[in-house]
Amino acid sequence: MKLAATHVTRYWYSEPVTMCHTQTHLKPRTSPTQAVLEYDFQVGPQPGSISSETDYFGNEVTLFSVAEPHRELIITSYCAAELASSQPPDLNQSPLLPSFATTNVPLR
């Protein structure tokens, strides 16, 4: 199955902001059951610096700074991914949680 997603974050400021430092976690991870086919990341206004790193958990982190006065910041990411079919989890491996109907707690 192929999926595509667009994510937009928009900040509006009441006064011009002269400097912002931001980190995002927007790029999906590649795994045995998920392949990232396409990824695009854009920021407006244009960042003066932008870099990527991998966090402790293996997620890509995008860091950027905008060092010009701005009253609006727009972050847009687009991703297309392909998901492989996988087996549903074995529910017998997890204990069942009691439902409200089977507990002995009186309802008020």
PDB file of N, CA and C in Angstrom:
ATOM      1  N   MET A   1       0.841  -1.160   0.000  1.00  0.00           N
ATOM      2  CA  MET A   1       0.000   0.000   0.000  1.00  0.00           C
ATOM      3  C   MET A   1       0.897   1.237   0.000  1.00  0.00           C
ATOM      4  N   LYS A   2       0.530   2.220  -0.818  1.00  0.00           N
ATOM      5  CA  LYS A   2       1.266   3.478  -0.860  1.00  0.00           C
ATOM      6  C   LYS A   2       0.446   4.561  -0.178  1.00  0.00           C
ATOM      7  N   LEU A   3       1.145   5.372   0.611  1.00  0.00           N
ATOM      8  CA  LEU A   3       0.505   6.477   1.320  1.00  0.00           C
ATOM      9  C   LEU A   3       1.274   7.760   1.024  1.00  0.00           C
ATOM     10  N   ALA A   4       0.570   8.865   1.018  1.00  0.00           N
ATOM     11  CA  ALA A   4       1.200  10.176   0.890  1.00  0.00           C
ATOM     12  C   ALA A   4       0.591  11.094   1.940  1.00  0.00           C
ATOM     13  N   ALA A   5       1.438  11.928   2.531  1.00  0.00           N
ATOM     14  CA  ALA A   5       0.960  12.841   3.571  1.00  0.00           C
ATOM     15  C   ALA A   5       1.678  14.175   3.461  1.00  0.00           C
ATOM     16  N   THR A   6       0.931  15.242   3.698  1.00  0.00           N
ATOM     17  CA  THR A   6       1.501  16.580   3.779  1.00  0.00           C
ATOM     18  C   THR A   6       1.202  17.119   5.168  1.00  0.00           C
ATOM     19  N   HIS A   7       2.222  17.682   5.791  1.00  0.00           N
ATOM     20  CA  HIS A   7       2.073  18.264   7.128  1.00  0.00           C
ATOM     21  C   HIS A   7       2.473  19.732   7.040  1.00  0.00           C
ATOM     22  N   VAL A   8       1.623  20.616   7.559  1.00  0.00           N
ATOM     23  CA  VAL A   8       1.926  22.045   7.571  1.00  0.00           C
ATOM     24  C   VAL A   8       1.781  22.552   8.999  1.00  0.00           C
ATOM     25  N   THR A   9       2.824  23.230   9.469  1.00  0.00           N
ATOM     26  CA  THR A   9       2.769  23.933  10.748  1.00  0.00           C
ATOM     27  C   THR A   9       2.979  25.403  10.434  1.00  0.00           C
ATOM     28  N   ARG A  10       2.098  26.238  10.961  1.00  0.00           N
ATOM     29  CA  ARG A  10       2.185  27.676  10.684  1.00  0.00           C
ATOM     30  C   ARG A  10       2.126  28.430  12.007  1.00  0.00           C
ATOM     31  N   TYR A  11       3.097  29.320  12.191  1.00  0.00           N
ATOM     32  CA  TYR A  11       3.129  30.187  13.369  1.00  0.00           C
ATOM     33  C   TYR A  11       2.902  31.623  12.909  1.00  0.00           C
ATOM     34  N   TRP A  12       2.014  32.338  13.608  1.00  0.00           N
ATOM     35  CA  TRP A  12       1.811  33.760  13.378  1.00  0.00           C
ATOM     36  C   TRP A  12       2.218  34.477  14.655  1.00  0.00           C
ATOM     37  N   TYR A  13       2.995  35.528  14.513  1.00  0.00           N
ATOM     38  CA  TYR A  13       3.476  36.282  15.662  1.00  0.00           C
ATOM     39  C   TYR A  13       2.863  37.679  15.649  1.00  0.00           C
ATOM     40  N   SER A  14       2.511  38.176  16.812  1.00  0.00           N
ATOM     41  CA  SER A  14       1.901  39.512  16.894  1.00  0.00           C
ATOM     42  C   SER A  14       2.921  40.617  16.616  1.00  0.00           C
ATOM     43  N   GLU A  15       4.181  40.327  16.879  1.00  0.00           N
ATOM     44  CA  GLU A  15       5.280  41.270  16.603  1.00  0.00           C
ATOM     45  C   GLU A  15       6.336  40.524  15.793  1.00  0.00           C
ATOM     46  N   PRO A  16       7.150  41.218  15.027  1.00  0.00           N
ATOM     47  CA  PRO A  16       8.204  40.525  14.282  1.00  0.00           C
ATOM     48  C   PRO A  16       9.158  39.783  15.211  1.00  0.00           C
ATOM     49  N   VAL A  17       9.491  38.580  14.821  1.00  0.00           N
ATOM     50  CA  VAL A  17      10.459  37.759  15.545  1.00  0.00           C
ATOM     51  C   VAL A  17      11.768  37.883  14.797  1.00  0.00           C
ATOM     52  N   THR A  18      12.845  38.188  15.508  1.00  0.00           N
ATOM     53  CA  THR A  18      14.119  38.427  14.824  1.00  0.00           C
ATOM     54  C   THR A  18      14.981  37.179  14.716  1.00  0.00           C
ATOM     55  N   MET A  19      14.707  36.168  15.536  1.00  0.00           N
ATOM     56  CA  MET A  19      15.516  34.946  15.513  1.00  0.00           C
ATOM     57  C   MET A  19      14.664  33.789  16.001  1.00  0.00           C
ATOM     58  N   CYS A  20      14.743  32.653  15.307  1.00  0.00           N
ATOM     59  CA  CYS A  20      14.095  31.449  15.819  1.00  0.00           C
ATOM     60  C   CYS A  20      15.002  30.252  15.555  1.00  0.00           C
ATOM     61  N   HIS A  21      15.043  29.366  16.517  1.00  0.00           N
ATOM     62  CA  HIS A  21      15.762  28.096  16.404  1.00  0.00           C
ATOM     63  C   HIS A  21      14.714  27.007  16.573  1.00  0.00           C
ATOM     64  N   THR A  22      14.628  26.094  15.631  1.00  0.00           N
ATOM     65  CA  THR A  22      13.562  25.101  15.638  1.00  0.00           C
ATOM     66  C   THR A  22      14.123  23.727  15.317  1.00  0.00           C
ATOM     67  N   GLN A  23      13.538  22.717  15.943  1.00  0.00           N
ATOM     68  CA  GLN A  23      13.846  21.336  15.550  1.00  0.00           C
ATOM     69  C   GLN A  23      12.531  20.626  15.286  1.00  0.00           C
ATOM     70  N   THR A  24      12.543  19.796  14.247  1.00  0.00           N
ATOM     71  CA  THR A  24      11.338  19.068  13.864  1.00  0.00           C
ATOM     72  C   THR A  24      11.643  17.583  13.763  1.00  0.00           C
ATOM     73  N   HIS A  25      10.612  16.787  13.920  1.00  0.00           N
ATOM     74  CA  HIS A  25      10.674  15.330  13.755  1.00  0.00           C
ATOM     75  C   HIS A  25       9.571  14.959  12.768  1.00  0.00           C
ATOM     76  N   LEU A  26       9.771  15.218  11.491  1.00  0.00           N
ATOM     77  CA  LEU A  26       8.705  15.046  10.512  1.00  0.00           C
ATOM     78  C   LEU A  26       8.962  13.942   9.495  1.00  0.00           C
ATOM     79  N   LYS A  27      10.191  13.508   9.341  1.00  0.00           N
ATOM     80  CA  LYS A  27      10.486  12.483   8.333  1.00  0.00           C
ATOM     81  C   LYS A  27      10.236  11.097   8.909  1.00  0.00           C
ATOM     82  N   PRO A  28       9.388  10.296   8.256  1.00  0.00           N
ATOM     83  CA  PRO A  28       9.154   8.924   8.738  1.00  0.00           C
ATOM     84  C   PRO A  28      10.422   8.080   8.617  1.00  0.00           C
ATOM     85  N   ARG A  29      10.494   7.071   9.442  1.00  0.00           N
ATOM     86  CA  ARG A  29      11.632   6.160   9.407  1.00  0.00           C
ATOM     87  C   ARG A  29      11.407   5.064   8.386  1.00  0.00           C
ATOM     88  N   THR A  30      12.495   4.626   7.781  1.00  0.00           N
ATOM     89  CA  THR A  30      12.455   3.449   6.931  1.00  0.00           C
ATOM     90  C   THR A  30      12.600   2.235   7.839  1.00  0.00           C
ATOM     91  N   SER A  31      11.836   1.197   7.555  1.00  0.00           N
ATOM     92  CA  SER A  31      11.875  -0.026   8.365  1.00  0.00           C
ATOM     93  C   SER A  31      11.660  -1.212   7.431  1.00  0.00           C
ATOM     94  N   PRO A  32      11.728  -2.432   7.946  1.00  0.00           N
ATOM     95  CA  PRO A  32      11.475  -3.589   7.089  1.00  0.00           C
ATOM     96  C   PRO A  32      10.084  -3.585   6.445  1.00  0.00           C
ATOM     97  N   THR A  33       9.124  -2.890   7.047  1.00  0.00           N
ATOM     98  CA  THR A  33       7.761  -2.876   6.490  1.00  0.00           C
ATOM     99  C   THR A  33       7.355  -1.512   5.937  1.00  0.00           C
ATOM    100  N   GLN A  34       8.298  -0.537   5.921  1.00  0.00           N
ATOM    101  CA  GLN A  34       7.963   0.800   5.433  1.00  0.00           C
ATOM    102  C   GLN A  34       9.150   1.383   4.685  1.00  0.00           C
ATOM    103  N   ALA A  35       8.925   1.802   3.450  1.00  0.00           N
ATOM    104  CA  ALA A  35       9.972   2.439   2.646  1.00  0.00           C
ATOM    105  C   ALA A  35       9.538   3.857   2.322  1.00  0.00           C
ATOM    106  N   VAL A  36      10.392   4.831   2.623  1.00  0.00           N
ATOM    107  CA  VAL A  36      10.119   6.213   2.273  1.00  0.00           C
ATOM    108  C   VAL A  36      10.507   6.390   0.807  1.00  0.00           C
ATOM    109  N   LEU A  37       9.523   6.691  -0.039  1.00  0.00           N
ATOM    110  CA  LEU A  37       9.758   6.833  -1.470  1.00  0.00           C
ATOM    111  C   LEU A  37      10.154   8.256  -1.850  1.00  0.00           C
ATOM    112  N   GLU A  38       9.598   9.217  -1.133  1.00  0.00           N
ATOM    113  CA  GLU A  38       9.834  10.623  -1.457  1.00  0.00           C
ATOM    114  C   GLU A  38       9.656  11.442  -0.191  1.00  0.00           C
ATOM    115  N   TYR A  39      10.502  12.446  -0.002  1.00  0.00           N
ATOM    116  CA  TYR A  39      10.380  13.320   1.161  1.00  0.00           C
ATOM    117  C   TYR A  39      10.834  14.717   0.771  1.00  0.00           C
ATOM    118  N   ASP A  40      10.058  15.726   1.164  1.00  0.00           N
ATOM    119  CA  ASP A  40      10.404  17.111   0.896  1.00  0.00           C
ATOM    120  C   ASP A  40      10.111  17.919   2.153  1.00  0.00           C
ATOM    121  N   PHE A  41      11.007  18.833   2.471  1.00  0.00           N
ATOM    122  CA  PHE A  41      10.884  19.666   3.670  1.00  0.00           C
ATOM    123  C   PHE A  41      11.182  21.103   3.275  1.00  0.00           C
ATOM    124  N   GLN A  42      10.259  22.009   3.608  1.00  0.00           N
ATOM    125  CA  GLN A  42      10.449  23.411   3.256  1.00  0.00           C
ATOM    126  C   GLN A  42      10.090  24.306   4.430  1.00  0.00           C
ATOM    127  N   VAL A  43      10.795  25.425   4.521  1.00  0.00           N
ATOM    128  CA  VAL A  43      10.567  26.407   5.577  1.00  0.00           C
ATOM    129  C   VAL A  43      10.498  27.784   4.930  1.00  0.00           C
ATOM    130  N   GLY A  44       9.570  28.595   5.382  1.00  0.00           N
ATOM    131  CA  GLY A  44       9.492  29.979   4.940  1.00  0.00           C
ATOM    132  C   GLY A  44       9.300  30.878   6.151  1.00  0.00           C
ATOM    133  N   PRO A  45      10.098  31.917   6.311  1.00  0.00           N
ATOM    134  CA  PRO A  45      11.143  32.355   5.409  1.00  0.00           C
ATOM    135  C   PRO A  45      12.331  31.380   5.394  1.00  0.00           C
ATOM    136  N   GLN A  46      13.146  31.533   4.371  1.00  0.00           N
ATOM    137  CA  GLN A  46      14.288  30.649   4.155  1.00  0.00           C
ATOM    138  C   GLN A  46      15.219  30.662   5.374  1.00  0.00           C
ATOM    139  N   PRO A  47      15.554  29.489   5.920  1.00  0.00           N
ATOM    140  CA  PRO A  47      16.468  29.447   7.061  1.00  0.00           C
ATOM    141  C   PRO A  47      17.897  29.848   6.663  1.00  0.00           C
ATOM    142  N   GLY A  48      18.578  30.491   7.597  1.00  0.00           N
ATOM    143  CA  GLY A  48      19.984  30.806   7.381  1.00  0.00           C
ATOM    144  C   GLY A  48      20.852  29.575   7.528  1.00  0.00           C
ATOM    145  N   SER A  49      20.406  28.643   8.360  1.00  0.00           N
ATOM    146  CA  SER A  49      21.118  27.371   8.519  1.00  0.00           C
ATOM    147  C   SER A  49      20.093  26.264   8.690  1.00  0.00           C
ATOM    148  N   ILE A  50      20.437  25.104   8.156  1.00  0.00           N
ATOM    149  CA  ILE A  50      19.568  23.929   8.279  1.00  0.00           C
ATOM    150  C   ILE A  50      20.466  22.699   8.283  1.00  0.00           C
ATOM    151  N   SER A  51      20.156  21.755   9.151  1.00  0.00           N
ATOM    152  CA  SER A  51      20.932  20.517   9.226  1.00  0.00           C
ATOM    153  C   SER A  51      20.025  19.399   9.728  1.00  0.00           C
ATOM    154  N   SER A  52      20.519  18.182   9.584  1.00  0.00           N
ATOM    155  CA  SER A  52      19.786  17.011  10.062  1.00  0.00           C
ATOM    156  C   SER A  52      20.708  16.157  10.903  1.00  0.00           C
ATOM    157  N   GLU A  53      20.110  15.474  11.866  1.00  0.00           N
ATOM    158  CA  GLU A  53      20.845  14.514  12.679  1.00  0.00           C
ATOM    159  C   GLU A  53      19.885  13.402  13.069  1.00  0.00           C
ATOM    160  N   THR A  54      20.420  12.355  13.607  1.00  0.00           N
ATOM    161  CA  THR A  54      19.603  11.224  14.049  1.00  0.00           C
ATOM    162  C   THR A  54      19.578  11.215  15.569  1.00  0.00           C
ATOM    163  N   ASP A  55      18.385  11.123  16.150  1.00  0.00           N
ATOM    164  CA  ASP A  55      18.288  11.118  17.612  1.00  0.00           C
ATOM    165  C   ASP A  55      18.587   9.721  18.169  1.00  0.00           C
ATOM    166  N   TYR A  56      18.529   9.611  19.460  1.00  0.00           N
ATOM    167  CA  TYR A  56      18.855   8.367  20.165  1.00  0.00           C
ATOM    168  C   TYR A  56      18.009   7.193  19.683  1.00  0.00           C
ATOM    169  N   PHE A  57      16.770   7.455  19.274  1.00  0.00           N
ATOM    170  CA  PHE A  57      15.834   6.403  18.882  1.00  0.00           C
ATOM    171  C   PHE A  57      15.883   6.082  17.387  1.00  0.00           C
ATOM    172  N   GLY A  58      16.747   6.766  16.622  1.00  0.00           N
ATOM    173  CA  GLY A  58      16.863   6.508  15.196  1.00  0.00           C
ATOM    174  C   GLY A  58      15.981   7.382  14.329  1.00  0.00           C
ATOM    175  N   ASN A  59      15.353   8.401  14.916  1.00  0.00           N
ATOM    176  CA  ASN A  59      14.501   9.320  14.158  1.00  0.00           C
ATOM    177  C   ASN A  59      15.336  10.463  13.598  1.00  0.00           C
ATOM    178  N   GLU A  60      15.006  10.894  12.375  1.00  0.00           N
ATOM    179  CA  GLU A  60      15.694  12.053  11.815  1.00  0.00           C
ATOM    180  C   GLU A  60      15.144  13.323  12.435  1.00  0.00           C
ATOM    181  N   VAL A  61      16.046  14.191  12.871  1.00  0.00           N
ATOM    182  CA  VAL A  61      15.698  15.486  13.442  1.00  0.00           C
ATOM    183  C   VAL A  61      16.239  16.550  12.490  1.00  0.00           C
ATOM    184  N   THR A  62      15.375  17.473  12.075  1.00  0.00           N
ATOM    185  CA  THR A  62      15.812  18.586  11.235  1.00  0.00           C
ATOM    186  C   THR A  62      15.873  19.823  12.113  1.00  0.00           C
ATOM    187  N   LEU A  63      17.032  20.475  12.113  1.00  0.00           N
ATOM    188  CA  LEU A  63      17.253  21.683  12.913  1.00  0.00           C
ATOM    189  C   LEU A  63      17.452  22.848  11.960  1.00  0.00           C
ATOM    190  N   PHE A  64      16.833  23.979  12.275  1.00  0.00           N
ATOM    191  CA  PHE A  64      17.049  25.155  11.429  1.00  0.00           C
ATOM    192  C   PHE A  64      16.912  26.426  12.242  1.00  0.00           C
ATOM    193  N   SER A  65      17.486  27.488  11.694  1.00  0.00           N
ATOM    194  CA  SER A  65      17.419  28.816  12.310  1.00  0.00           C
ATOM    195  C   SER A  65      17.049  29.831  11.250  1.00  0.00           C
ATOM    196  N   VAL A  66      16.183  30.744  11.627  1.00  0.00           N
ATOM    197  CA  VAL A  66      15.821  31.871  10.771  1.00  0.00           C
ATOM    198  C   VAL A  66      16.278  33.119  11.518  1.00  0.00           C
ATOM    199  N   ALA A  67      17.183  33.883  10.898  1.00  0.00           N
ATOM    200  CA  ALA A  67      17.782  35.042  11.562  1.00  0.00           C
ATOM    201  C   ALA A  67      17.390  36.350  10.892  1.00  0.00           C
ATOM    202  N   GLU A  68      16.188  36.408  10.372  1.00  0.00           N
ATOM    203  CA  GLU A  68      15.675  37.649   9.794  1.00  0.00           C
ATOM    204  C   GLU A  68      14.311  37.928  10.413  1.00  0.00           C
ATOM    205  N   PRO A  69      13.942  39.186  10.549  1.00  0.00           N
ATOM    206  CA  PRO A  69      12.634  39.495  11.138  1.00  0.00           C
ATOM    207  C   PRO A  69      11.502  38.889  10.301  1.00  0.00           C
ATOM    208  N   HIS A  70      10.571  38.241  11.014  1.00  0.00           N
ATOM    209  CA  HIS A  70       9.421  37.629  10.339  1.00  0.00           C
ATOM    210  C   HIS A  70       8.237  37.591  11.296  1.00  0.00           C
ATOM    211  N   ARG A  71       7.046  37.661  10.749  1.00  0.00           N
ATOM    212  CA  ARG A  71       5.825  37.593  11.554  1.00  0.00           C
ATOM    213  C   ARG A  71       5.092  36.284  11.336  1.00  0.00           C
ATOM    214  N   GLU A  72       5.602  35.458  10.410  1.00  0.00           N
ATOM    215  CA  GLU A  72       4.979  34.175  10.122  1.00  0.00           C
ATOM    216  C   GLU A  72       6.087  33.171   9.801  1.00  0.00           C
ATOM    217  N   LEU A  73       5.924  31.966  10.294  1.00  0.00           N
ATOM    218  CA  LEU A  73       6.848  30.870  10.003  1.00  0.00           C
ATOM    219  C   LEU A  73       6.005  29.699   9.515  1.00  0.00           C
ATOM    220  N   ILE A  74       6.347  29.169   8.344  1.00  0.00           N
ATOM    221  CA  ILE A  74       5.601  28.043   7.777  1.00  0.00           C
ATOM    222  C   ILE A  74       6.564  26.891   7.535  1.00  0.00           C
ATOM    223  N   ILE A  75       6.235  25.742   8.094  1.00  0.00           N
ATOM    224  CA  ILE A  75       7.023  24.523   7.921  1.00  0.00           C
ATOM    225  C   ILE A  75       6.132  23.527   7.192  1.00  0.00           C
ATOM    226  N   THR A  76       6.606  23.024   6.059  1.00  0.00           N
ATOM    227  CA  THR A  76       5.821  22.086   5.256  1.00  0.00           C
ATOM    228  C   THR A  76       6.667  20.856   4.962  1.00  0.00           C
ATOM    229  N   SER A  77       6.087  19.689   5.194  1.00  0.00           N
ATOM    230  CA  SER A  77       6.777  18.455   4.809  1.00  0.00           C
ATOM    231  C   SER A  77       5.806  17.591   4.009  1.00  0.00           C
ATOM    232  N   TYR A  78       6.374  16.877   3.058  1.00  0.00           N
ATOM    233  CA  TYR A  78       5.604  15.954   2.229  1.00  0.00           C
ATOM    234  C   TYR A  78       6.344  14.627   2.228  1.00  0.00           C
ATOM    235  N   CYS A  79       5.588  13.544   2.351  1.00  0.00           N
ATOM    236  CA  CYS A  79       6.196  12.226   2.324  1.00  0.00           C
ATOM    237  C   CYS A  79       5.308  11.256   1.564  1.00  0.00           C
ATOM    238  N   ALA A  80       5.945  10.442   0.754  1.00  0.00           N
ATOM    239  CA  ALA A  80       5.265   9.307   0.127  1.00  0.00           C
ATOM    240  C   ALA A  80       5.992   8.064   0.620  1.00  0.00           C
ATOM    241  N   ALA A  81       5.231   7.081   1.029  1.00  0.00           N
ATOM    242  CA  ALA A  81       5.818   5.864   1.581  1.00  0.00           C
ATOM    243  C   ALA A  81       5.063   4.647   1.070  1.00  0.00           C
ATOM    244  N   GLU A  82       5.764   3.542   1.050  1.00  0.00           N
ATOM    245  CA  GLU A  82       5.146   2.272   0.687  1.00  0.00           C
ATOM    246  C   GLU A  82       5.214   1.356   1.898  1.00  0.00           C
ATOM    247  N   LEU A  83       4.053   0.820   2.258  1.00  0.00           N
ATOM    248  CA  LEU A  83       3.958  -0.070   3.404  1.00  0.00           C
ATOM    249  C   LEU A  83       3.783  -1.496   2.909  1.00  0.00           C
ATOM    250  N   ALA A  84       4.601  -2.391   3.428  1.00  0.00           N
ATOM    251  CA  ALA A  84       4.474  -3.805   3.083  1.00  0.00           C
ATOM    252  C   ALA A  84       3.381  -4.406   3.953  1.00  0.00           C
ATOM    253  N   SER A  85       2.714  -5.402   3.417  1.00  0.00           N
ATOM    254  CA  SER A  85       1.705  -6.064   4.241  1.00  0.00           C
ATOM    255  C   SER A  85       2.428  -6.815   5.349  1.00  0.00           C
ATOM    256  N   SER A  86       1.811  -6.857   6.485  1.00  0.00           N
ATOM    257  CA  SER A  86       2.416  -7.550   7.623  1.00  0.00           C
ATOM    258  C   SER A  86       1.333  -8.359   8.333  1.00  0.00           C
ATOM    259  N   GLN A  87       1.781  -9.301   9.101  1.00  0.00           N
ATOM    260  CA  GLN A  87       0.853 -10.132   9.860  1.00  0.00           C
ATOM    261  C   GLN A  87       0.271  -9.318  11.009  1.00  0.00           C
ATOM    262  N   PRO A  88      -1.007  -9.481  11.283  1.00  0.00           N
ATOM    263  CA  PRO A  88      -1.570  -8.795  12.449  1.00  0.00           C
ATOM    264  C   PRO A  88      -0.931  -9.348  13.718  1.00  0.00           C
ATOM    265  N   PRO A  89      -0.872  -8.548  14.774  1.00  0.00           N
ATOM    266  CA  PRO A  89      -0.264  -9.027  16.007  1.00  0.00           C
ATOM    267  C   PRO A  89      -1.033 -10.204  16.598  1.00  0.00           C
ATOM    268  N   ASP A  90      -0.324 -11.083  17.268  1.00  0.00           N
ATOM    269  CA  ASP A  90      -0.934 -12.223  17.948  1.00  0.00           C
ATOM    270  C   ASP A  90      -1.495 -11.711  19.269  1.00  0.00           C
ATOM    271  N   LEU A  91      -2.797 -11.567  19.350  1.00  0.00           N
ATOM    272  CA  LEU A  91      -3.423 -11.014  20.548  1.00  0.00           C
ATOM    273  C   LEU A  91      -3.288 -11.920  21.757  1.00  0.00           C
ATOM    274  N   ASN A  92      -2.969 -13.183  21.546  1.00  0.00           N
ATOM    275  CA  ASN A  92      -2.753 -14.095  22.669  1.00  0.00           C
ATOM    276  C   ASN A  92      -1.442 -13.797  23.380  1.00  0.00           C
ATOM    277  N   GLN A  93      -0.580 -13.003  22.762  1.00  0.00           N
ATOM    278  CA  GLN A  93       0.695 -12.640  23.373  1.00  0.00           C
ATOM    279  C   GLN A  93       0.530 -11.539  24.425  1.00  0.00           C
ATOM    280  N   SER A  94      -0.586 -10.832  24.387  1.00  0.00           N
ATOM    281  CA  SER A  94      -0.828  -9.728  25.317  1.00  0.00           C
ATOM    282  C   SER A  94      -1.976 -10.079  26.239  1.00  0.00           C
ATOM    283  N   PRO A  95      -1.828  -9.782  27.530  1.00  0.00           N
ATOM    284  CA  PRO A  95      -2.951 -10.049  28.436  1.00  0.00           C
ATOM    285  C   PRO A  95      -4.113  -9.116  28.135  1.00  0.00           C
ATOM    286  N   LEU A  96      -5.306  -9.615  28.291  1.00  0.00           N
ATOM    287  CA  LEU A  96      -6.491  -8.791  28.071  1.00  0.00           C
ATOM    288  C   LEU A  96      -6.689  -7.853  29.251  1.00  0.00           C
ATOM    289  N   LEU A  97      -7.064  -6.636  28.955  1.00  0.00           N
ATOM    290  CA  LEU A  97      -7.390  -5.687  30.004  1.00  0.00           C
ATOM    291  C   LEU A  97      -8.846  -5.871  30.377  1.00  0.00           C
ATOM    292  N   PRO A  98      -9.180  -5.749  31.649  1.00  0.00           N
ATOM    293  CA  PRO A  98     -10.590  -5.908  32.017  1.00  0.00           C
ATOM    294  C   PRO A  98     -11.416  -4.773  31.433  1.00  0.00           C
ATOM    295  N   SER A  99     -12.585  -5.101  30.990  1.00  0.00           N
ATOM    296  CA  SER A  99     -13.477  -4.053  30.468  1.00  0.00           C
ATOM    297  C   SER A  99     -14.331  -3.547  31.616  1.00  0.00           C
ATOM    298  N   PHE A 100     -14.977  -2.425  31.424  1.00  0.00           N
ATOM    299  CA  PHE A 100     -15.810  -1.871  32.472  1.00  0.00           C
ATOM    300  C   PHE A 100     -16.979  -2.809  32.798  1.00  0.00           C
ATOM    301  N   ALA A 101     -17.418  -3.573  31.830  1.00  0.00           N
ATOM    302  CA  ALA A 101     -18.555  -4.456  32.061  1.00  0.00           C
ATOM    303  C   ALA A 101     -18.191  -5.632  32.957  1.00  0.00           C
ATOM    304  N   THR A 102     -16.901  -6.003  33.018  1.00  0.00           N
ATOM    305  CA  THR A 102     -16.519  -7.174  33.816  1.00  0.00           C
ATOM    306  C   THR A 102     -15.856  -6.824  35.131  1.00  0.00           C
ATOM    307  N   THR A 103     -15.686  -5.551  35.438  1.00  0.00           N
ATOM    308  CA  THR A 103     -15.073  -5.183  36.711  1.00  0.00           C
ATOM    309  C   THR A 103     -16.155  -5.114  37.785  1.00  0.00           C
ATOM    310  N   ASN A 104     -15.715  -5.163  39.013  1.00  0.00           N
ATOM    311  CA  ASN A 104     -16.653  -5.130  40.148  1.00  0.00           C
ATOM    312  C   ASN A 104     -16.757  -3.735  40.760  1.00  0.00           C
ATOM    313  N   VAL A 105     -16.438  -2.717  39.992  1.00  0.00           N
ATOM    314  CA  VAL A 105     -16.520  -1.355  40.499  1.00  0.00           C
ATOM    315  C   VAL A 105     -17.907  -0.826  40.190  1.00  0.00           C
ATOM    316  N   PRO A 106     -18.663  -0.420  41.226  1.00  0.00           N
ATOM    317  CA  PRO A 106     -20.006   0.089  40.964  1.00  0.00           C
ATOM    318  C   PRO A 106     -19.936   1.418  40.216  1.00  0.00           C
ATOM    319  N   LEU A 107     -20.837   1.595  39.268  1.00  0.00           N
ATOM    320  CA  LEU A 107     -20.930   2.832  38.536  1.00  0.00           C
ATOM    321  C   LEU A 107     -21.769   3.817  39.326  1.00  0.00           C
ATOM    322  N   ARG A 108     -21.407   5.053  39.313  1.00  0.00           N
ATOM    323  CA  ARG A 108     -22.146   6.065  40.078  1.00  0.00           C
ATOM    324  C   ARG A 108     -23.120   6.795  39.223  1.00  0.00           C
TER     325      ARG A 108
END
